[in-house]
Each structure stands twice: as structure tokens, then as C-alpha cells.
Amino acid sequence: MYEVPFDATNLASGTYVYVLKTEKFQLERKMIFLK
């Protein structure tokens, strides 16, 4: 399992899209961030 630091200090609440990529794979997902 891997972890990626995520600093949302300067982000507003809302819906964001994140992408995880490797040479053979790409995954896109939505994330709802609420402060």
C-alpha cells in the first residue's frame, strides 16, 4: 500500500478529480472535500 501526502490547506470545499497513473494503468476518481 502507498500513501500520498495531501495538503488541502488552501483548497475550498468542493468536488475535485484526482488521477493515479502508472505506465500501464490510469485511474480517475472524484473526491468531495468539505471543510
PDB file of N, CA and C in Angstrom:
ATOM      1  N   MET A   1       0.841  -1.169   0.000  1.00  0.00           N
ATOM      2  CA  MET A   1       0.000   0.000   0.000  1.00  0.00           C
ATOM      3  C   MET A   1       0.892   1.239   0.000  1.00  0.00           C
ATOM      4  N   TYR A   2       0.460   2.260  -0.725  1.00  0.00           N
ATOM      5  CA  TYR A   2       1.192   3.512  -0.814  1.00  0.00           C
ATOM      6  C   TYR A   2       0.353   4.640  -0.231  1.00  0.00           C
ATOM      7  N   GLU A   3       1.021   5.666   0.226  1.00  0.00           N
ATOM      8  CA  GLU A   3       0.343   6.864   0.713  1.00  0.00           C
ATOM      9  C   GLU A   3       0.894   8.080  -0.011  1.00  0.00           C
ATOM     10  N   VAL A   4       0.018   9.037  -0.272  1.00  0.00           N
ATOM     11  CA  VAL A   4       0.424  10.289  -0.902  1.00  0.00           C
ATOM     12  C   VAL A   4      -0.011  11.429   0.009  1.00  0.00           C
ATOM     13  N   PRO A   5       0.917  12.271   0.434  1.00  0.00           N
ATOM     14  CA  PRO A   5       0.530  13.408   1.273  1.00  0.00           C
ATOM     15  C   PRO A   5      -0.430  14.334   0.514  1.00  0.00           C
ATOM     16  N   PHE A   6      -1.413  14.846   1.221  1.00  0.00           N
ATOM     17  CA  PHE A   6      -2.413  15.718   0.601  1.00  0.00           C
ATOM     18  C   PHE A   6      -2.638  16.904   1.522  1.00  0.00           C
ATOM     19  N   ASP A   7      -2.186  18.064   1.101  1.00  0.00           N
ATOM     20  CA  ASP A   7      -2.338  19.282   1.898  1.00  0.00           C
ATOM     21  C   ASP A   7      -3.456  20.122   1.293  1.00  0.00           C
ATOM     22  N   ALA A   8      -4.593  20.152   1.959  1.00  0.00           N
ATOM     23  CA  ALA A   8      -5.759  20.875   1.451  1.00  0.00           C
ATOM     24  C   ALA A   8      -5.947  22.215   2.144  1.00  0.00           C
ATOM     25  N   THR A   9      -4.904  22.731   2.740  1.00  0.00           N
ATOM     26  CA  THR A   9      -4.996  23.981   3.490  1.00  0.00           C
ATOM     27  C   THR A   9      -5.578  25.113   2.651  1.00  0.00           C
ATOM     28  N   ASN A  10      -5.149  25.230   1.409  1.00  0.00           N
ATOM     29  CA  ASN A  10      -5.570  26.349   0.560  1.00  0.00           C
ATOM     30  C   ASN A  10      -6.695  25.995  -0.408  1.00  0.00           C
ATOM     31  N   LEU A  11      -7.316  24.840  -0.229  1.00  0.00           N
ATOM     32  CA  LEU A  11      -8.403  24.443  -1.115  1.00  0.00           C
ATOM     33  C   LEU A  11      -9.750  24.778  -0.492  1.00  0.00           C
ATOM     34  N   ALA A  12     -10.667  25.179  -1.338  1.00  0.00           N
ATOM     35  CA  ALA A  12     -12.039  25.423  -0.892  1.00  0.00           C
ATOM     36  C   ALA A  12     -12.800  24.102  -0.887  1.00  0.00           C
ATOM     37  N   SER A  13     -13.894  24.056  -0.139  1.00  0.00           N
ATOM     38  CA  SER A  13     -14.766  22.884  -0.192  1.00  0.00           C
ATOM     39  C   SER A  13     -15.283  22.726  -1.610  1.00  0.00           C
ATOM     40  N   GLY A  14     -15.437  21.494  -2.050  1.00  0.00           N
ATOM     41  CA  GLY A  14     -15.950  21.262  -3.391  1.00  0.00           C
ATOM     42  C   GLY A  14     -15.622  19.870  -3.878  1.00  0.00           C
ATOM     43  N   THR A  15     -15.888  19.636  -5.149  1.00  0.00           N
ATOM     44  CA  THR A  15     -15.607  18.355  -5.786  1.00  0.00           C
ATOM     45  C   THR A  15     -14.328  18.488  -6.600  1.00  0.00           C
ATOM     46  N   TYR A  16     -13.427  17.556  -6.396  1.00  0.00           N
ATOM     47  CA  TYR A  16     -12.151  17.545  -7.100  1.00  0.00           C
ATOM     48  C   TYR A  16     -11.984  16.202  -7.797  1.00  0.00           C
ATOM     49  N   VAL A  17     -11.216  16.184  -8.865  1.00  0.00           N
ATOM     50  CA  VAL A  17     -10.900  14.952  -9.586  1.00  0.00           C
ATOM     51  C   VAL A  17      -9.431  14.655  -9.353  1.00  0.00           C
ATOM     52  N   TYR A  18      -9.141  13.410  -8.984  1.00  0.00           N
ATOM     53  CA  TYR A  18      -7.744  13.013  -8.839  1.00  0.00           C
ATOM     54  C   TYR A  18      -7.440  11.891  -9.817  1.00  0.00           C
ATOM     55  N   VAL A  19      -6.184  11.821 -10.244  1.00  0.00           N
ATOM     56  CA  VAL A  19      -5.747  10.834 -11.227  1.00  0.00           C
ATOM     57  C   VAL A  19      -4.530  10.111 -10.681  1.00  0.00           C
ATOM     58  N   LEU A  20      -4.576   8.791 -10.721  1.00  0.00           N
ATOM     59  CA  LEU A  20      -3.427   7.956 -10.369  1.00  0.00           C
ATOM     60  C   LEU A  20      -2.948   7.298 -11.656  1.00  0.00           C
ATOM     61  N   LYS A  21      -1.659   7.462 -11.977  1.00  0.00           N
ATOM     62  CA  LYS A  21      -1.131   6.935 -13.234  1.00  0.00           C
ATOM     63  C   LYS A  21       0.098   6.078 -12.996  1.00  0.00           C
ATOM     64  N   THR A  22       0.198   4.988 -13.760  1.00  0.00           N
ATOM     65  CA  THR A  22       1.421   4.207 -13.871  1.00  0.00           C
ATOM     66  C   THR A  22       1.676   4.033 -15.367  1.00  0.00           C
ATOM     67  N   GLU A  23       2.698   3.287 -15.709  1.00  0.00           N
ATOM     68  CA  GLU A  23       2.976   3.061 -17.131  1.00  0.00           C
ATOM     69  C   GLU A  23       1.848   2.286 -17.809  1.00  0.00           C
ATOM     70  N   LYS A  24       1.155   1.424 -17.052  1.00  0.00           N
ATOM     71  CA  LYS A  24       0.151   0.545 -17.650  1.00  0.00           C
ATOM     72  C   LYS A  24      -1.272   0.803 -17.172  1.00  0.00           C
ATOM     73  N   PHE A  25      -1.462   1.793 -16.334  1.00  0.00           N
ATOM     74  CA  PHE A  25      -2.761   1.944 -15.679  1.00  0.00           C
ATOM     75  C   PHE A  25      -3.046   3.402 -15.390  1.00  0.00           C
ATOM     76  N   GLN A  26      -4.315   3.784 -15.511  1.00  0.00           N
ATOM     77  CA  GLN A  26      -4.740   5.127 -15.120  1.00  0.00           C
ATOM     78  C   GLN A  26      -6.108   5.026 -14.457  1.00  0.00           C
ATOM     79  N   LEU A  27      -6.247   5.680 -13.308  1.00  0.00           N
ATOM     80  CA  LEU A  27      -7.487   5.665 -12.541  1.00  0.00           C
ATOM     81  C   LEU A  27      -7.888   7.097 -12.246  1.00  0.00           C
ATOM     82  N   GLU A  28      -9.122   7.455 -12.592  1.00  0.00           N
ATOM     83  CA  GLU A  28      -9.649   8.789 -12.301  1.00  0.00           C
ATOM     84  C   GLU A  28     -10.858   8.642 -11.384  1.00  0.00           C
ATOM     85  N   ARG A  29     -10.883   9.434 -10.325  1.00  0.00           N
ATOM     86  CA  ARG A  29     -11.991   9.394  -9.375  1.00  0.00           C
ATOM     87  C   ARG A  29     -12.324  10.797  -8.902  1.00  0.00           C
ATOM     88  N   LYS A  30     -13.562  10.978  -8.461  1.00  0.00           N
ATOM     89  CA  LYS A  30     -13.981  12.247  -7.871  1.00  0.00           C
ATOM     90  C   LYS A  30     -13.835  12.163  -6.360  1.00  0.00           C
ATOM     91  N   MET A  31     -13.505  13.296  -5.762  1.00  0.00           N
ATOM     92  CA  MET A  31     -13.374  13.383  -4.317  1.00  0.00           C
ATOM     93  C   MET A  31     -14.155  14.607  -3.859  1.00  0.00           C
ATOM     94  N   ILE A  32     -14.986  14.451  -2.853  1.00  0.00           N
ATOM     95  CA  ILE A  32     -15.715  15.576  -2.271  1.00  0.00           C
ATOM     96  C   ILE A  32     -14.959  16.014  -1.030  1.00  0.00           C
ATOM     97  N   PHE A  33     -14.556  17.279  -1.007  1.00  0.00           N
ATOM     98  CA  PHE A  33     -13.779  17.823   0.105  1.00  0.00           C
ATOM     99  C   PHE A  33     -14.624  18.855   0.831  1.00  0.00           C
ATOM    100  N   LEU A  34     -14.829  18.641   2.122  1.00  0.00           N
ATOM    101  CA  LEU A  34     -15.622  19.560   2.942  1.00  0.00           C
ATOM    102  C   LEU A  34     -14.776  20.083   4.085  1.00  0.00           C
ATOM    103  N   LYS A  35     -14.821  21.386   4.306  1.00  0.00           N
ATOM    104  CA  LYS A  35     -14.085  21.986   5.428  1.00  0.00           C
ATOM    105  C   LYS A  35     -15.024  22.229   6.571  1.00  0.00           C
TER     106      LYS A  35
END
